[in-house]
């Protein structure tokens, strides 16, 4: 832990190490609570411009795309897989199309997952 020559052989009792860990966790919890409390407490008192409120509507789709795109395009974590042997991408495209046409969450989930599992089974038989 310590890199100084005088402190290298310093013994720190186990209960002090645990207290430092619990103190760190408690500190992080307090900081997280304080940030969220300030935002919720001032929610009704702050007014944004209509243009800014319109821009805020794009945040959830952007975050969702940022979470989903790497899983669809880089399923192995090593490189971009744009071929037909990528069941994640095929299932995602089918789910997107079903969502655009039917706008039904259960249909999107069923079509996306069904296509993924079926394509995974077929791609293992065809491509490997």
N, C-alpha and C. Protein backbone atom coordinates (compact mmCIF):
# COMPACT_ATOMS: atom_id res chain seq x y z
N UNK A 1 0.82 -1.18 0.00
CA UNK A 1 0.00 0.00 0.00
C UNK A 1 0.87 1.25 0.00
N UNK A 2 1.75 1.39 0.96
CA UNK A 2 2.63 2.55 1.02
C UNK A 2 3.91 2.23 0.28
N UNK A 3 4.42 3.16 -0.46
CA UNK A 3 5.61 2.94 -1.26
C UNK A 3 6.86 3.57 -0.63
N UNK A 4 6.68 4.26 0.50
CA UNK A 4 7.82 4.90 1.15
C UNK A 4 8.61 3.87 1.94
N UNK A 5 9.94 3.97 1.96
CA UNK A 5 10.74 2.96 2.68
C UNK A 5 10.39 2.89 4.16
N UNK A 6 10.12 4.01 4.82
CA UNK A 6 9.84 4.00 6.25
C UNK A 6 8.48 3.38 6.55
N UNK A 7 7.55 3.43 5.60
CA UNK A 7 6.19 2.94 5.83
C UNK A 7 5.94 1.57 5.22
N UNK A 8 6.93 1.01 4.54
CA UNK A 8 6.72 -0.25 3.85
C UNK A 8 6.35 -1.38 4.81
N UNK A 9 6.98 -1.40 5.98
CA UNK A 9 6.72 -2.48 6.93
C UNK A 9 5.71 -2.09 7.99
N UNK A 10 5.01 -0.99 7.79
CA UNK A 10 4.02 -0.51 8.76
C UNK A 10 2.81 -1.43 8.75
N UNK A 11 2.42 -1.87 9.92
CA UNK A 11 1.27 -2.77 10.04
C UNK A 11 0.02 -1.94 10.29
N UNK A 12 -0.99 -2.13 9.46
CA UNK A 12 -2.28 -1.46 9.67
C UNK A 12 -3.27 -2.54 10.09
N UNK A 13 -3.82 -2.40 11.30
CA UNK A 13 -4.76 -3.43 11.77
C UNK A 13 -5.93 -3.60 10.82
N UNK A 14 -6.48 -4.80 10.81
CA UNK A 14 -7.55 -5.12 9.88
C UNK A 14 -8.79 -4.27 10.10
N UNK A 15 -9.12 -3.98 11.37
CA UNK A 15 -10.33 -3.20 11.62
C UNK A 15 -10.19 -1.77 11.11
N UNK A 16 -8.96 -1.23 11.08
CA UNK A 16 -8.77 0.10 10.51
C UNK A 16 -8.91 0.08 9.00
N UNK A 17 -8.46 -1.01 8.37
CA UNK A 17 -8.65 -1.14 6.93
C UNK A 17 -10.13 -1.22 6.60
N UNK A 18 -10.88 -1.97 7.41
CA UNK A 18 -12.32 -2.06 7.20
C UNK A 18 -13.00 -0.71 7.42
N UNK A 19 -12.56 0.03 8.44
CA UNK A 19 -13.16 1.33 8.69
C UNK A 19 -12.89 2.29 7.54
N UNK A 20 -11.71 2.21 6.95
CA UNK A 20 -11.40 3.07 5.81
C UNK A 20 -12.31 2.71 4.63
N UNK A 21 -12.53 1.42 4.42
CA UNK A 21 -13.40 0.99 3.33
C UNK A 21 -14.84 1.46 3.58
N UNK A 22 -15.34 1.27 4.80
CA UNK A 22 -16.70 1.70 5.10
C UNK A 22 -16.82 3.21 5.04
N UNK A 23 -15.80 3.93 5.45
CA UNK A 23 -15.82 5.38 5.35
C UNK A 23 -15.86 5.85 3.91
N UNK A 24 -15.11 5.16 3.05
CA UNK A 24 -15.13 5.51 1.63
C UNK A 24 -16.50 5.26 1.04
N UNK A 25 -17.11 4.12 1.35
CA UNK A 25 -18.45 3.81 0.85
C UNK A 25 -19.46 4.83 1.36
N UNK A 26 -19.38 5.16 2.63
CA UNK A 26 -20.30 6.15 3.21
C UNK A 26 -20.11 7.52 2.56
N UNK A 27 -18.86 7.91 2.33
CA UNK A 27 -18.58 9.19 1.67
C UNK A 27 -19.15 9.24 0.27
N UNK A 28 -18.98 8.15 -0.49
CA UNK A 28 -19.52 8.11 -1.85
C UNK A 28 -21.04 8.17 -1.82
N UNK A 29 -21.66 7.49 -0.84
CA UNK A 29 -23.12 7.53 -0.73
C UNK A 29 -23.60 8.94 -0.41
N UNK A 30 -22.90 9.63 0.48
CA UNK A 30 -23.30 11.00 0.83
C UNK A 30 -23.15 11.96 -0.35
N UNK A 31 -22.07 11.83 -1.10
CA UNK A 31 -21.89 12.69 -2.26
C UNK A 31 -22.98 12.43 -3.30
N UNK A 32 -23.28 11.15 -3.55
CA UNK A 32 -24.33 10.80 -4.51
C UNK A 32 -25.68 11.34 -4.06
N UNK A 33 -25.99 11.18 -2.77
CA UNK A 33 -27.25 11.69 -2.24
C UNK A 33 -27.33 13.21 -2.36
N UNK A 34 -26.24 13.89 -2.04
CA UNK A 34 -26.25 15.36 -2.08
C UNK A 34 -26.47 15.86 -3.50
N UNK A 35 -25.82 15.25 -4.48
CA UNK A 35 -26.00 15.68 -5.87
C UNK A 35 -27.45 15.49 -6.30
N UNK A 36 -28.01 14.35 -5.99
CA UNK A 36 -29.39 14.09 -6.41
C UNK A 36 -30.38 14.94 -5.63
N UNK A 37 -30.12 15.17 -4.34
CA UNK A 37 -31.03 15.97 -3.53
C UNK A 37 -31.09 17.41 -4.05
N UNK A 38 -29.95 17.97 -4.39
CA UNK A 38 -29.93 19.34 -4.90
C UNK A 38 -30.73 19.43 -6.20
N UNK A 39 -30.59 18.46 -7.08
CA UNK A 39 -31.32 18.49 -8.34
C UNK A 39 -32.83 18.34 -8.12
N UNK A 40 -33.23 17.41 -7.24
CA UNK A 40 -34.66 17.23 -6.99
C UNK A 40 -35.26 18.41 -6.22
N UNK A 41 -34.51 18.98 -5.31
CA UNK A 41 -35.03 20.10 -4.52
C UNK A 41 -35.24 21.34 -5.37
N UNK A 42 -34.42 21.51 -6.40
CA UNK A 42 -34.56 22.70 -7.25
C UNK A 42 -35.35 22.42 -8.52
N UNK A 43 -35.98 21.27 -8.62
CA UNK A 43 -36.66 20.89 -9.86
C UNK A 43 -37.80 21.83 -10.22
N UNK A 44 -38.61 22.25 -9.29
CA UNK A 44 -39.74 23.10 -9.60
C UNK A 44 -39.40 24.57 -9.65
N UNK A 45 -38.22 24.95 -9.22
CA UNK A 45 -37.86 26.36 -9.13
C UNK A 45 -37.07 26.88 -10.32
N UNK A 46 -36.50 25.98 -11.09
CA UNK A 46 -35.67 26.39 -12.23
C UNK A 46 -36.46 26.20 -13.51
N UNK A 47 -36.45 27.22 -14.36
CA UNK A 47 -37.13 27.14 -15.65
C UNK A 47 -36.08 27.19 -16.75
N UNK A 48 -36.21 26.27 -17.70
CA UNK A 48 -35.32 26.26 -18.85
C UNK A 48 -36.03 26.88 -20.04
N UNK A 49 -35.25 27.31 -20.99
CA UNK A 49 -35.83 27.86 -22.20
C UNK A 49 -36.50 26.72 -22.98
N UNK A 50 -37.51 27.03 -23.79
CA UNK A 50 -38.17 25.98 -24.57
C UNK A 50 -37.21 25.25 -25.51
N UNK A 51 -36.24 25.96 -26.05
CA UNK A 51 -35.26 25.32 -26.93
C UNK A 51 -34.43 24.29 -26.17
N UNK A 52 -34.01 24.65 -24.95
CA UNK A 52 -33.21 23.73 -24.13
C UNK A 52 -34.05 22.52 -23.71
N UNK A 53 -35.31 22.75 -23.36
CA UNK A 53 -36.19 21.62 -23.01
C UNK A 53 -36.40 20.70 -24.20
N UNK A 54 -36.47 21.28 -25.39
CA UNK A 54 -36.60 20.46 -26.59
C UNK A 54 -35.34 19.61 -26.81
N UNK A 55 -34.19 20.18 -26.55
CA UNK A 55 -32.94 19.43 -26.69
C UNK A 55 -32.82 18.32 -25.64
N UNK A 56 -33.37 18.54 -24.46
CA UNK A 56 -33.31 17.52 -23.40
C UNK A 56 -34.07 16.25 -23.78
N UNK A 57 -35.04 16.38 -24.68
CA UNK A 57 -35.80 15.19 -25.10
C UNK A 57 -34.93 14.20 -25.85
N UNK A 58 -33.81 14.64 -26.40
CA UNK A 58 -32.95 13.75 -27.18
C UNK A 58 -31.96 12.97 -26.31
N UNK A 59 -31.88 13.28 -25.03
CA UNK A 59 -30.91 12.60 -24.17
C UNK A 59 -31.24 11.12 -23.99
N UNK A 60 -32.47 10.70 -23.64
CA UNK A 60 -32.72 9.27 -23.47
C UNK A 60 -32.44 8.42 -24.72
N UNK A 61 -32.86 8.84 -25.93
CA UNK A 61 -32.50 8.02 -27.09
C UNK A 61 -30.99 7.96 -27.34
N UNK A 62 -30.30 9.06 -27.06
CA UNK A 62 -28.85 9.07 -27.28
C UNK A 62 -28.15 8.13 -26.30
N UNK A 63 -28.58 8.13 -25.05
CA UNK A 63 -27.98 7.24 -24.05
C UNK A 63 -28.31 5.78 -24.39
N UNK A 64 -29.54 5.52 -24.79
CA UNK A 64 -29.92 4.16 -25.16
C UNK A 64 -29.11 3.66 -26.36
N UNK A 65 -28.93 4.52 -27.35
CA UNK A 65 -28.12 4.14 -28.51
C UNK A 65 -26.67 3.89 -28.12
N UNK A 66 -26.14 4.70 -27.21
CA UNK A 66 -24.76 4.51 -26.77
C UNK A 66 -24.59 3.22 -25.98
N UNK A 67 -25.63 2.76 -25.33
CA UNK A 67 -25.56 1.49 -24.61
C UNK A 67 -25.73 0.29 -25.53
N UNK A 68 -26.60 0.42 -26.51
CA UNK A 68 -26.94 -0.72 -27.36
C UNK A 68 -25.96 -0.92 -28.51
N UNK A 69 -25.49 0.16 -29.12
CA UNK A 69 -24.65 0.05 -30.32
C UNK A 69 -23.40 -0.80 -30.11
N UNK A 70 -22.63 -0.64 -29.04
CA UNK A 70 -21.46 -1.51 -28.88
C UNK A 70 -21.83 -2.99 -28.75
N UNK A 71 -22.94 -3.28 -28.09
CA UNK A 71 -23.35 -4.68 -27.93
C UNK A 71 -23.75 -5.29 -29.26
N UNK A 72 -24.35 -4.50 -30.14
CA UNK A 72 -24.76 -5.02 -31.44
C UNK A 72 -23.60 -5.09 -32.43
N UNK A 73 -22.74 -4.10 -32.42
CA UNK A 73 -21.69 -4.01 -33.43
C UNK A 73 -20.39 -4.69 -33.03
N UNK A 74 -20.11 -4.77 -31.73
CA UNK A 74 -18.85 -5.37 -31.25
C UNK A 74 -19.19 -6.43 -30.21
N UNK A 75 -19.87 -7.52 -30.58
CA UNK A 75 -20.33 -8.49 -29.58
C UNK A 75 -19.19 -9.24 -28.88
N UNK A 76 -18.07 -9.45 -29.56
CA UNK A 76 -16.96 -10.17 -28.94
C UNK A 76 -16.01 -9.21 -28.23
N UNK A 77 -16.15 -7.94 -28.45
CA UNK A 77 -15.30 -6.96 -27.80
C UNK A 77 -13.96 -6.76 -28.48
N UNK A 78 -13.76 -7.35 -29.64
CA UNK A 78 -12.46 -7.24 -30.30
C UNK A 78 -12.51 -6.45 -31.60
N UNK A 79 -13.59 -6.48 -32.32
CA UNK A 79 -13.69 -5.78 -33.59
C UNK A 79 -15.13 -5.66 -34.03
N UNK A 80 -15.36 -4.80 -34.98
CA UNK A 80 -16.72 -4.58 -35.48
C UNK A 80 -17.14 -5.77 -36.34
N UNK A 81 -18.31 -6.32 -36.04
CA UNK A 81 -18.84 -7.47 -36.78
C UNK A 81 -20.11 -7.03 -37.51
N UNK A 82 -19.97 -6.76 -38.81
CA UNK A 82 -21.11 -6.30 -39.61
C UNK A 82 -21.66 -7.39 -40.52
N UNK A 83 -21.21 -8.62 -40.37
CA UNK A 83 -21.65 -9.69 -41.25
C UNK A 83 -22.93 -10.37 -40.79
N UNK A 84 -23.37 -11.29 -41.61
CA UNK A 84 -24.57 -12.06 -41.27
C UNK A 84 -24.32 -13.08 -40.18
N UNK A 85 -23.08 -13.30 -39.80
CA UNK A 85 -22.78 -14.23 -38.72
C UNK A 85 -22.87 -13.57 -37.34
N UNK A 86 -23.37 -12.35 -37.27
CA UNK A 86 -23.55 -11.64 -36.01
C UNK A 86 -25.03 -11.65 -35.63
N UNK A 87 -25.46 -12.61 -34.77
CA UNK A 87 -26.88 -12.68 -34.42
C UNK A 87 -27.36 -11.48 -33.60
N UNK A 88 -26.46 -10.81 -32.89
CA UNK A 88 -26.84 -9.62 -32.13
C UNK A 88 -27.31 -8.51 -33.08
N UNK A 89 -26.57 -8.33 -34.15
CA UNK A 89 -26.92 -7.29 -35.12
C UNK A 89 -28.21 -7.63 -35.86
N UNK A 90 -28.35 -8.87 -36.27
CA UNK A 90 -29.57 -9.28 -36.99
C UNK A 90 -30.80 -9.15 -36.08
N UNK A 91 -30.69 -9.60 -34.85
CA UNK A 91 -31.80 -9.45 -33.90
C UNK A 91 -32.12 -8.00 -33.61
N UNK A 92 -31.09 -7.16 -33.52
CA UNK A 92 -31.31 -5.73 -33.28
C UNK A 92 -32.00 -5.05 -34.44
N UNK A 93 -31.61 -5.42 -35.67
CA UNK A 93 -32.26 -4.82 -36.84
C UNK A 93 -33.72 -5.24 -36.93
N UNK A 94 -34.00 -6.52 -36.66
CA UNK A 94 -35.40 -6.98 -36.67
C UNK A 94 -36.19 -6.28 -35.58
N UNK A 95 -35.61 -6.14 -34.39
CA UNK A 95 -36.31 -5.45 -33.30
C UNK A 95 -36.58 -3.99 -33.66
N UNK A 96 -35.62 -3.34 -34.31
CA UNK A 96 -35.82 -1.96 -34.74
C UNK A 96 -36.96 -1.84 -35.75
N UNK A 97 -36.98 -2.73 -36.73
CA UNK A 97 -38.04 -2.69 -37.74
C UNK A 97 -39.42 -2.97 -37.14
N UNK A 98 -39.48 -3.96 -36.25
CA UNK A 98 -40.77 -4.26 -35.59
C UNK A 98 -41.21 -3.07 -34.76
N UNK A 99 -40.28 -2.43 -34.08
CA UNK A 99 -40.63 -1.26 -33.27
C UNK A 99 -41.11 -0.09 -34.11
N UNK A 100 -40.51 0.09 -35.27
CA UNK A 100 -40.93 1.20 -36.13
C UNK A 100 -42.33 0.97 -36.72
N UNK A 101 -42.65 -0.27 -37.02
CA UNK A 101 -43.94 -0.54 -37.66
C UNK A 101 -45.08 -0.76 -36.66
N UNK A 102 -44.82 -1.49 -35.56
CA UNK A 102 -45.91 -1.82 -34.64
C UNK A 102 -45.93 -1.01 -33.37
N UNK A 103 -44.80 -0.47 -32.94
CA UNK A 103 -44.73 0.33 -31.70
C UNK A 103 -45.31 -0.41 -30.51
N UNK A 104 -44.96 -1.68 -30.39
CA UNK A 104 -45.43 -2.52 -29.29
C UNK A 104 -44.19 -3.13 -28.63
N UNK A 105 -43.99 -2.84 -27.35
CA UNK A 105 -42.79 -3.28 -26.65
C UNK A 105 -42.67 -4.80 -26.63
N UNK A 106 -43.77 -5.50 -26.38
CA UNK A 106 -43.71 -6.97 -26.32
C UNK A 106 -43.40 -7.57 -27.69
N UNK A 107 -43.92 -6.96 -28.73
CA UNK A 107 -43.59 -7.43 -30.08
C UNK A 107 -42.12 -7.21 -30.39
N UNK A 108 -41.58 -6.07 -29.97
CA UNK A 108 -40.16 -5.78 -30.19
C UNK A 108 -39.30 -6.79 -29.45
N UNK A 109 -39.61 -7.02 -28.18
CA UNK A 109 -38.83 -7.97 -27.39
C UNK A 109 -38.93 -9.38 -27.95
N UNK A 110 -40.13 -9.81 -28.27
CA UNK A 110 -40.31 -11.16 -28.81
C UNK A 110 -39.62 -11.35 -30.15
N UNK A 111 -39.80 -10.38 -31.04
CA UNK A 111 -39.19 -10.50 -32.37
C UNK A 111 -37.68 -10.43 -32.28
N UNK A 112 -37.15 -9.50 -31.48
CA UNK A 112 -35.70 -9.36 -31.36
C UNK A 112 -35.05 -10.57 -30.73
N UNK A 113 -35.62 -11.04 -29.63
CA UNK A 113 -35.04 -12.21 -28.95
C UNK A 113 -35.23 -13.48 -29.78
N UNK A 114 -36.41 -13.64 -30.37
CA UNK A 114 -36.66 -14.82 -31.20
C UNK A 114 -35.71 -14.87 -32.39
N UNK A 115 -35.55 -13.72 -33.05
CA UNK A 115 -34.62 -13.66 -34.19
C UNK A 115 -33.19 -13.93 -33.74
N UNK A 116 -32.81 -13.35 -32.61
CA UNK A 116 -31.45 -13.57 -32.10
C UNK A 116 -31.18 -15.05 -31.87
N UNK A 117 -32.07 -15.73 -31.14
CA UNK A 117 -31.83 -17.15 -30.82
C UNK A 117 -31.88 -18.02 -32.07
N UNK A 118 -32.84 -17.75 -32.94
CA UNK A 118 -32.93 -18.54 -34.17
C UNK A 118 -31.72 -18.29 -35.07
N UNK A 119 -31.32 -17.04 -35.21
CA UNK A 119 -30.16 -16.72 -36.05
C UNK A 119 -28.87 -17.27 -35.45
N UNK A 120 -28.78 -17.25 -34.13
CA UNK A 120 -27.59 -17.81 -33.47
C UNK A 120 -27.50 -19.31 -33.75
N UNK A 121 -28.62 -20.00 -33.65
CA UNK A 121 -28.63 -21.43 -33.94
C UNK A 121 -28.28 -21.69 -35.41
N UNK A 122 -28.89 -20.92 -36.30
CA UNK A 122 -28.62 -21.11 -37.73
C UNK A 122 -27.19 -20.73 -38.11
N UNK A 123 -26.68 -19.65 -37.52
CA UNK A 123 -25.32 -19.22 -37.87
C UNK A 123 -24.28 -20.20 -37.36
N UNK A 124 -24.55 -20.84 -36.23
CA UNK A 124 -23.61 -21.88 -35.75
C UNK A 124 -23.60 -23.06 -36.69
N UNK A 125 -24.76 -23.40 -37.24
CA UNK A 125 -24.82 -24.53 -38.17
C UNK A 125 -24.25 -24.16 -39.54
N UNK A 126 -24.45 -22.93 -39.99
CA UNK A 126 -24.03 -22.54 -41.34
C UNK A 126 -22.61 -22.00 -41.43
N UNK A 127 -22.23 -21.13 -40.48
CA UNK A 127 -20.97 -20.41 -40.60
C UNK A 127 -19.82 -21.04 -39.84
N UNK A 128 -20.07 -22.00 -38.97
CA UNK A 128 -18.97 -22.54 -38.17
C UNK A 128 -18.77 -24.00 -38.41
